[in-house]
Amino acid sequence: MTIFLQSLDYQLWHIIVNGPRMPTRTIEGVVSPKPENEYNDNDFRMLQLNSKPKHVLFCAVGPNEFNRIYSCDSAKEMWDLLEVTYCNTPGRRESSQGHIIYNIT
């Protein structure tokens, strides 16, 4: 999934790893969220870019996983939940080449 997301747009992967970027403004050295009525074209592009990785993840998972992640606010939250669900299971280990191996018993 990592390679797929990076191949679509590396910024998508960056948003999943680091969380969404939200439009902000700085007034007298204080950074605060920008009100929607002050959004410009770049802000809207940023928000759209935040939505794309969520869409990709929604389309990539099955119905059980969808039910787990649909209430998440960000793609990072979704990814973290999927990672805990599938990567931190007992019996999972990595081979010397970095491949994931599952012990099925």
N, C-alpha and C. Protein backbone atom coordinates (compact mmCIF):
# COMPACT_ATOMS: atom_id res chain seq x y z
N MET A 1 0.83 -1.19 0.00
CA MET A 1 0.00 0.00 0.00
C MET A 1 0.87 1.25 0.00
N THR A 2 1.98 1.19 0.71
CA THR A 2 2.88 2.35 0.77
C THR A 2 3.35 2.73 -0.63
N ILE A 3 3.82 1.75 -1.38
CA ILE A 3 4.33 2.02 -2.73
C ILE A 3 3.21 2.55 -3.62
N PHE A 4 2.02 1.97 -3.49
CA PHE A 4 0.88 2.42 -4.30
C PHE A 4 0.58 3.89 -4.04
N LEU A 5 0.50 4.28 -2.77
CA LEU A 5 0.22 5.67 -2.43
C LEU A 5 1.32 6.60 -2.91
N GLN A 6 2.57 6.18 -2.74
CA GLN A 6 3.69 7.02 -3.18
C GLN A 6 3.69 7.15 -4.70
N SER A 7 3.27 6.09 -5.41
CA SER A 7 3.25 6.16 -6.87
C SER A 7 2.15 7.09 -7.38
N LEU A 8 1.06 7.21 -6.64
CA LEU A 8 0.00 8.13 -7.04
C LEU A 8 0.46 9.57 -6.88
N ASP A 9 1.00 9.86 -5.72
CA ASP A 9 1.46 11.22 -5.42
C ASP A 9 2.20 11.13 -4.09
N TYR A 10 3.48 11.46 -4.09
CA TYR A 10 4.26 11.31 -2.86
C TYR A 10 3.71 12.18 -1.74
N GLN A 11 3.06 13.27 -2.08
CA GLN A 11 2.46 14.12 -1.05
C GLN A 11 1.37 13.39 -0.29
N LEU A 12 0.68 12.45 -0.96
CA LEU A 12 -0.34 11.66 -0.28
C LEU A 12 0.29 10.87 0.87
N TRP A 13 1.42 10.23 0.58
CA TRP A 13 2.11 9.47 1.62
C TRP A 13 2.59 10.39 2.73
N HIS A 14 3.07 11.54 2.38
CA HIS A 14 3.54 12.52 3.37
C HIS A 14 2.40 12.92 4.30
N ILE A 15 1.21 13.12 3.76
CA ILE A 15 0.05 13.49 4.58
C ILE A 15 -0.34 12.34 5.51
N ILE A 16 -0.26 11.11 5.02
CA ILE A 16 -0.58 9.96 5.87
C ILE A 16 0.41 9.84 7.02
N VAL A 17 1.67 10.03 6.75
CA VAL A 17 2.70 9.88 7.79
C VAL A 17 2.68 11.04 8.78
N ASN A 18 2.51 12.27 8.28
CA ASN A 18 2.64 13.45 9.13
C ASN A 18 1.33 14.10 9.54
N GLY A 19 0.23 13.64 8.98
CA GLY A 19 -1.06 14.25 9.29
C GLY A 19 -1.40 15.35 8.31
N PRO A 20 -2.66 15.79 8.33
CA PRO A 20 -3.10 16.79 7.37
C PRO A 20 -2.52 18.18 7.65
N ARG A 21 -2.44 18.94 6.58
CA ARG A 21 -2.03 20.34 6.72
C ARG A 21 -3.28 21.19 6.61
N MET A 22 -3.45 22.08 7.54
CA MET A 22 -4.62 22.94 7.55
C MET A 22 -4.21 24.39 7.29
N PRO A 23 -5.05 25.15 6.59
CA PRO A 23 -4.73 26.56 6.34
C PRO A 23 -4.63 27.34 7.66
N THR A 24 -3.58 28.10 7.77
CA THR A 24 -3.36 28.91 8.97
C THR A 24 -3.03 30.34 8.56
N ARG A 25 -3.09 31.22 9.54
CA ARG A 25 -2.68 32.60 9.33
C ARG A 25 -1.85 33.02 10.54
N THR A 26 -0.99 33.99 10.34
CA THR A 26 -0.14 34.50 11.41
C THR A 26 -0.47 35.97 11.64
N ILE A 27 -0.87 36.26 12.84
CA ILE A 27 -1.19 37.65 13.21
C ILE A 27 -0.34 37.99 14.43
N GLU A 28 0.53 38.98 14.27
CA GLU A 28 1.44 39.42 15.33
C GLU A 28 2.21 38.25 15.94
N GLY A 29 2.70 37.36 15.06
CA GLY A 29 3.52 36.24 15.50
C GLY A 29 2.76 35.05 16.05
N VAL A 30 1.44 35.14 16.08
CA VAL A 30 0.62 34.04 16.61
C VAL A 30 -0.03 33.32 15.43
N VAL A 31 0.21 32.01 15.32
CA VAL A 31 -0.35 31.19 14.26
C VAL A 31 -1.69 30.64 14.73
N SER A 32 -2.72 30.82 13.89
CA SER A 32 -4.05 30.33 14.23
C SER A 32 -4.72 29.77 12.97
N PRO A 33 -5.73 28.92 13.14
CA PRO A 33 -6.45 28.41 11.97
C PRO A 33 -7.09 29.56 11.20
N LYS A 34 -7.04 29.46 9.88
CA LYS A 34 -7.61 30.49 9.03
C LYS A 34 -9.12 30.25 8.90
N PRO A 35 -9.94 31.29 9.06
CA PRO A 35 -11.39 31.13 8.86
C PRO A 35 -11.68 30.77 7.40
N GLU A 36 -12.74 30.00 7.18
CA GLU A 36 -13.07 29.55 5.82
C GLU A 36 -13.30 30.71 4.87
N ASN A 37 -13.83 31.81 5.36
CA ASN A 37 -14.10 32.93 4.45
C ASN A 37 -12.82 33.62 3.97
N GLU A 38 -11.66 33.23 4.51
CA GLU A 38 -10.38 33.79 4.08
C GLU A 38 -9.57 32.81 3.24
N TYR A 39 -10.11 31.62 2.96
CA TYR A 39 -9.39 30.63 2.15
C TYR A 39 -9.14 31.17 0.75
N ASN A 40 -7.97 30.87 0.22
CA ASN A 40 -7.65 31.20 -1.16
C ASN A 40 -7.52 29.89 -1.96
N ASP A 41 -7.14 29.99 -3.22
CA ASP A 41 -7.05 28.79 -4.06
C ASP A 41 -6.04 27.78 -3.52
N ASN A 42 -4.92 28.26 -2.99
CA ASN A 42 -3.92 27.33 -2.43
C ASN A 42 -4.47 26.60 -1.20
N ASP A 43 -5.25 27.28 -0.39
CA ASP A 43 -5.85 26.64 0.78
C ASP A 43 -6.81 25.53 0.35
N PHE A 44 -7.62 25.81 -0.67
CA PHE A 44 -8.55 24.79 -1.15
C PHE A 44 -7.82 23.61 -1.77
N ARG A 45 -6.71 23.86 -2.47
CA ARG A 45 -5.90 22.76 -3.02
C ARG A 45 -5.32 21.91 -1.89
N MET A 46 -4.88 22.57 -0.82
CA MET A 46 -4.32 21.86 0.33
C MET A 46 -5.39 20.96 0.97
N LEU A 47 -6.58 21.49 1.13
CA LEU A 47 -7.67 20.71 1.71
C LEU A 47 -8.06 19.54 0.82
N GLN A 48 -8.05 19.76 -0.49
CA GLN A 48 -8.35 18.68 -1.41
C GLN A 48 -7.27 17.60 -1.33
N LEU A 49 -6.03 18.02 -1.23
CA LEU A 49 -4.94 17.06 -1.10
C LEU A 49 -5.06 16.27 0.20
N ASN A 50 -5.59 16.87 1.25
CA ASN A 50 -5.81 16.14 2.50
C ASN A 50 -6.89 15.07 2.34
N SER A 51 -7.83 15.29 1.45
CA SER A 51 -8.94 14.34 1.26
C SER A 51 -8.56 13.16 0.38
N LYS A 52 -7.61 13.33 -0.51
CA LYS A 52 -7.26 12.26 -1.45
C LYS A 52 -6.76 10.99 -0.76
N PRO A 53 -5.85 11.06 0.22
CA PRO A 53 -5.40 9.80 0.83
C PRO A 53 -6.53 9.10 1.59
N LYS A 54 -7.47 9.85 2.14
CA LYS A 54 -8.62 9.22 2.80
C LYS A 54 -9.45 8.46 1.76
N HIS A 55 -9.66 9.06 0.62
CA HIS A 55 -10.42 8.41 -0.44
C HIS A 55 -9.72 7.13 -0.90
N VAL A 56 -8.42 7.19 -1.10
CA VAL A 56 -7.67 6.01 -1.53
C VAL A 56 -7.79 4.90 -0.49
N LEU A 57 -7.65 5.22 0.77
CA LEU A 57 -7.76 4.20 1.82
C LEU A 57 -9.17 3.63 1.88
N PHE A 58 -10.19 4.46 1.77
CA PHE A 58 -11.56 3.96 1.77
C PHE A 58 -11.77 2.96 0.63
N CYS A 59 -11.23 3.27 -0.54
CA CYS A 59 -11.41 2.40 -1.70
C CYS A 59 -10.57 1.12 -1.62
N ALA A 60 -9.50 1.15 -0.86
CA ALA A 60 -8.57 0.03 -0.82
C ALA A 60 -8.93 -1.05 0.19
N VAL A 61 -9.76 -0.72 1.16
CA VAL A 61 -10.04 -1.68 2.23
C VAL A 61 -11.39 -2.37 2.01
N GLY A 62 -11.54 -3.51 2.65
CA GLY A 62 -12.79 -4.25 2.59
C GLY A 62 -13.82 -3.67 3.55
N PRO A 63 -15.01 -4.25 3.56
CA PRO A 63 -16.09 -3.71 4.39
C PRO A 63 -15.79 -3.72 5.89
N ASN A 64 -15.11 -4.74 6.38
CA ASN A 64 -14.79 -4.79 7.82
C ASN A 64 -13.83 -3.67 8.21
N GLU A 65 -12.80 -3.47 7.38
CA GLU A 65 -11.84 -2.41 7.66
C GLU A 65 -12.49 -1.04 7.48
N PHE A 66 -13.34 -0.92 6.48
CA PHE A 66 -14.04 0.34 6.25
C PHE A 66 -14.82 0.74 7.50
N ASN A 67 -15.53 -0.22 8.09
CA ASN A 67 -16.30 0.08 9.30
C ASN A 67 -15.41 0.51 10.45
N ARG A 68 -14.17 0.05 10.48
CA ARG A 68 -13.24 0.46 11.53
C ARG A 68 -12.73 1.88 11.33
N ILE A 69 -12.56 2.30 10.08
CA ILE A 69 -11.86 3.57 9.82
C ILE A 69 -12.76 4.71 9.36
N TYR A 70 -14.03 4.44 9.06
CA TYR A 70 -14.84 5.49 8.44
C TYR A 70 -15.04 6.71 9.33
N SER A 71 -14.95 6.56 10.64
CA SER A 71 -15.17 7.70 11.53
C SER A 71 -13.89 8.49 11.83
N CYS A 72 -12.77 8.07 11.29
CA CYS A 72 -11.51 8.79 11.52
C CYS A 72 -11.54 10.14 10.80
N ASP A 73 -10.93 11.13 11.41
CA ASP A 73 -10.92 12.48 10.84
C ASP A 73 -9.82 12.69 9.82
N SER A 74 -8.75 11.91 9.89
CA SER A 74 -7.64 12.13 8.97
C SER A 74 -7.12 10.80 8.44
N ALA A 75 -6.42 10.88 7.32
CA ALA A 75 -5.81 9.68 6.74
C ALA A 75 -4.76 9.11 7.69
N LYS A 76 -4.08 9.98 8.44
CA LYS A 76 -3.09 9.49 9.41
C LYS A 76 -3.76 8.64 10.48
N GLU A 77 -4.90 9.10 10.99
CA GLU A 77 -5.64 8.30 11.98
C GLU A 77 -6.04 6.95 11.39
N MET A 78 -6.53 6.98 10.14
CA MET A 78 -6.95 5.75 9.48
C MET A 78 -5.77 4.80 9.34
N TRP A 79 -4.64 5.32 8.86
CA TRP A 79 -3.46 4.49 8.64
C TRP A 79 -2.96 3.92 9.97
N ASP A 80 -2.92 4.75 11.00
CA ASP A 80 -2.45 4.28 12.30
C ASP A 80 -3.34 3.16 12.83
N LEU A 81 -4.64 3.28 12.65
CA LEU A 81 -5.56 2.24 13.10
C LEU A 81 -5.36 0.95 12.31
N LEU A 82 -5.20 1.06 11.00
CA LEU A 82 -4.94 -0.13 10.18
C LEU A 82 -3.60 -0.76 10.53
N GLU A 83 -2.62 0.08 10.80
CA GLU A 83 -1.29 -0.42 11.16
C GLU A 83 -1.34 -1.21 12.47
N VAL A 84 -2.05 -0.70 13.46
CA VAL A 84 -2.19 -1.41 14.73
C VAL A 84 -2.93 -2.72 14.51
N THR A 85 -3.96 -2.68 13.68
CA THR A 85 -4.77 -3.86 13.44
C THR A 85 -3.98 -4.96 12.74
N TYR A 86 -3.15 -4.60 11.76
CA TYR A 86 -2.51 -5.62 10.93
C TYR A 86 -1.02 -5.79 11.15
N CYS A 87 -0.35 -4.84 11.74
CA CYS A 87 1.11 -4.94 11.86
C CYS A 87 1.58 -5.29 13.26
N ASN A 88 0.76 -5.16 14.26
CA ASN A 88 1.19 -5.44 15.62
C ASN A 88 0.49 -6.68 16.16
N THR A 89 0.42 -7.69 15.32
CA THR A 89 -0.26 -8.91 15.74
C THR A 89 0.75 -9.92 16.26
N PRO A 90 0.36 -10.77 17.22
CA PRO A 90 1.26 -11.82 17.67
C PRO A 90 1.57 -12.75 16.49
N GLY A 91 2.77 -13.20 16.43
CA GLY A 91 3.16 -14.09 15.34
C GLY A 91 3.74 -13.36 14.15
N ARG A 92 3.73 -12.05 14.18
CA ARG A 92 4.31 -11.27 13.08
C ARG A 92 5.76 -11.02 13.40
N ARG A 93 6.60 -11.25 12.43
CA ARG A 93 8.01 -10.94 12.58
C ARG A 93 8.58 -10.61 11.21
N GLU A 94 9.74 -10.01 11.19
CA GLU A 94 10.37 -9.67 9.92
C GLU A 94 11.52 -10.62 9.65
N SER A 95 11.67 -10.99 8.38
CA SER A 95 12.78 -11.83 7.99
C SER A 95 14.04 -10.97 7.88
N SER A 96 15.15 -11.61 7.61
CA SER A 96 16.40 -10.86 7.50
C SER A 96 16.38 -9.92 6.30
N GLN A 97 15.51 -10.17 5.32
CA GLN A 97 15.41 -9.27 4.16
C GLN A 97 14.36 -8.18 4.38
N GLY A 98 13.71 -8.14 5.55
CA GLY A 98 12.72 -7.12 5.83
C GLY A 98 11.31 -7.50 5.41
N HIS A 99 11.11 -8.73 4.95
CA HIS A 99 9.77 -9.18 4.59
C HIS A 99 9.00 -9.56 5.85
N ILE A 100 7.73 -9.32 5.80
CA ILE A 100 6.88 -9.67 6.96
C ILE A 100 6.49 -11.13 6.84
N ILE A 101 6.65 -11.85 7.94
CA ILE A 101 6.32 -13.25 8.00
C ILE A 101 5.29 -13.45 9.10
N TYR A 102 4.23 -14.19 8.81
CA TYR A 102 3.24 -14.50 9.81
C TYR A 102 3.32 -15.97 10.16
N ASN A 103 3.30 -16.28 11.44
CA ASN A 103 3.24 -17.66 11.90
C ASN A 103 1.77 -18.03 12.03
N ILE A 104 1.32 -18.90 11.20
CA ILE A 104 -0.07 -19.33 11.24
C ILE A 104 -0.12 -20.69 11.93
N THR A 105 -0.79 -20.72 13.08
CA THR A 105 -0.91 -21.99 13.81
C THR A 105 -2.34 -22.25 14.21
